[in-house]
Amino acid sequence: MSHFLKGLNSMKTALRRILSESARLDVAPDTLADDADLYAAGLSSLATVHLMLAIEDEFGIEIPDRMLTRRLFSSIDSLAAAVSELQQAQAAA
């Protein structure tokens, strides 16, 4: 497994932990596919705020307003892609 995939898998594991602590989904995050719809799993608009703050703390990033859309919070895949993008931008700055 490549270093990138290991990093992505550990990021998704961390995102699942954050979801279980912050999002109060109707189903356990560990049972969700990476592309499962988090809103269909019970993610509320209030929970997205808690989720955003927890993700920012966990990964040492700041999610810019332009990224704060429903699409960002739609799945574990979309969250992982955004975190990865922000970490890369931060590293390049």
Protein backbone atom coordinates (compact mmCIF):
# COMPACT_ATOMS: atom_id res chain seq x y z
CA MET A 1 0.00 0.00 0.00
CA SER A 2 1.39 3.40 -0.94
CA HIS A 3 2.17 6.07 1.64
CA PHE A 4 -0.64 8.19 0.15
CA LEU A 5 -3.22 5.40 0.60
CA LYS A 6 -2.07 4.72 4.16
CA GLY A 7 -2.44 8.42 4.93
CA LEU A 8 -5.86 8.54 3.29
CA ASN A 9 -7.04 5.46 5.22
CA SER A 10 -5.88 6.89 8.55
CA MET A 11 -7.55 10.19 7.67
CA LYS A 12 -10.83 8.38 6.94
CA THR A 13 -10.49 6.47 10.23
CA ALA A 14 -10.06 9.79 12.05
CA LEU A 15 -13.05 11.25 10.18
CA ARG A 16 -15.19 8.28 11.24
CA ARG A 17 -14.13 8.82 14.87
CA ILE A 18 -14.99 12.53 14.60
CA LEU A 19 -18.35 11.66 13.04
CA SER A 20 -19.14 9.28 15.89
CA GLU A 21 -18.18 11.92 18.48
CA SER A 22 -19.68 15.02 16.84
CA ALA A 23 -22.34 14.21 14.27
CA ARG A 24 -24.94 12.10 16.11
CA LEU A 25 -25.78 10.08 13.01
CA ASP A 26 -28.61 7.56 12.93
CA VAL A 27 -26.11 4.83 12.02
CA ALA A 28 -22.60 4.04 13.24
CA PRO A 29 -20.00 5.80 11.06
CA ASP A 30 -17.94 2.58 11.00
CA THR A 31 -20.74 0.91 9.04
CA LEU A 32 -20.90 3.59 6.34
CA ALA A 33 -19.23 3.28 2.96
CA ASP A 34 -16.78 6.06 2.15
CA ASP A 35 -19.22 7.46 -0.42
CA ALA A 36 -22.39 7.01 1.69
CA ASP A 37 -24.62 10.08 1.96
CA LEU A 38 -24.07 11.50 5.45
CA TYR A 39 -27.28 13.54 5.27
CA ALA A 40 -29.25 10.35 4.57
CA ALA A 41 -27.47 8.85 7.60
CA GLY A 42 -28.90 11.63 9.77
CA LEU A 43 -26.38 14.49 9.56
CA SER A 44 -28.12 17.74 10.55
CA SER A 45 -27.11 21.30 9.73
CA LEU A 46 -26.21 21.88 13.39
CA ALA A 47 -24.06 18.75 13.39
CA THR A 48 -22.15 20.04 10.36
CA VAL A 49 -20.97 22.99 12.47
CA HIS A 50 -19.72 20.67 15.23
CA LEU A 51 -18.17 18.44 12.58
CA MET A 52 -16.39 21.34 10.89
CA LEU A 53 -14.90 22.57 14.18
CA ALA A 54 -13.76 19.08 15.16
CA ILE A 55 -12.17 18.51 11.72
CA GLU A 56 -10.36 21.85 11.91
CA ASP A 57 -9.00 20.97 15.37
CA GLU A 58 -8.03 17.41 14.44
CA PHE A 59 -6.18 18.26 11.24
CA GLY A 60 -4.90 21.75 12.09
CA ILE A 61 -6.66 23.38 9.15
CA GLU A 62 -9.20 26.12 8.60
CA ILE A 63 -12.04 25.37 6.21
CA PRO A 64 -12.63 28.54 4.16
CA ASP A 65 -16.16 29.87 3.71
CA ARG A 66 -16.05 29.07 -0.02
CA MET A 67 -15.84 25.36 0.83
CA LEU A 68 -18.69 25.35 3.36
CA THR A 69 -21.29 23.75 1.14
CA ARG A 70 -23.60 20.80 1.49
CA ARG A 71 -21.35 18.90 -0.92
CA LEU A 72 -18.37 19.14 1.48
CA PHE A 73 -20.27 17.29 4.20
CA SER A 74 -21.99 14.82 1.86
CA SER A 75 -19.65 11.85 2.46
CA ILE A 76 -16.48 10.66 4.14
CA ASP A 77 -14.83 10.75 0.69
CA SER A 78 -15.72 14.42 0.18
CA LEU A 79 -14.48 15.35 3.66
CA ALA A 80 -11.21 13.45 3.14
CA ALA A 81 -10.66 15.13 -0.24
CA ALA A 82 -11.21 18.58 1.27
CA VAL A 83 -8.92 17.94 4.24
CA SER A 84 -6.23 16.61 1.91
CA GLU A 85 -6.56 19.63 -0.39
CA LEU A 86 -6.33 22.06 2.53
CA GLN A 87 -3.34 20.27 4.06
CA GLN A 88 -1.51 20.35 0.72
CA ALA A 89 -2.28 24.06 0.26
CA GLN A 90 -1.08 24.75 3.80
CA ALA A 91 2.15 22.80 3.22
CA ALA A 92 2.80 24.73 0.00
CA ALA A 93 2.24 28.12 1.64
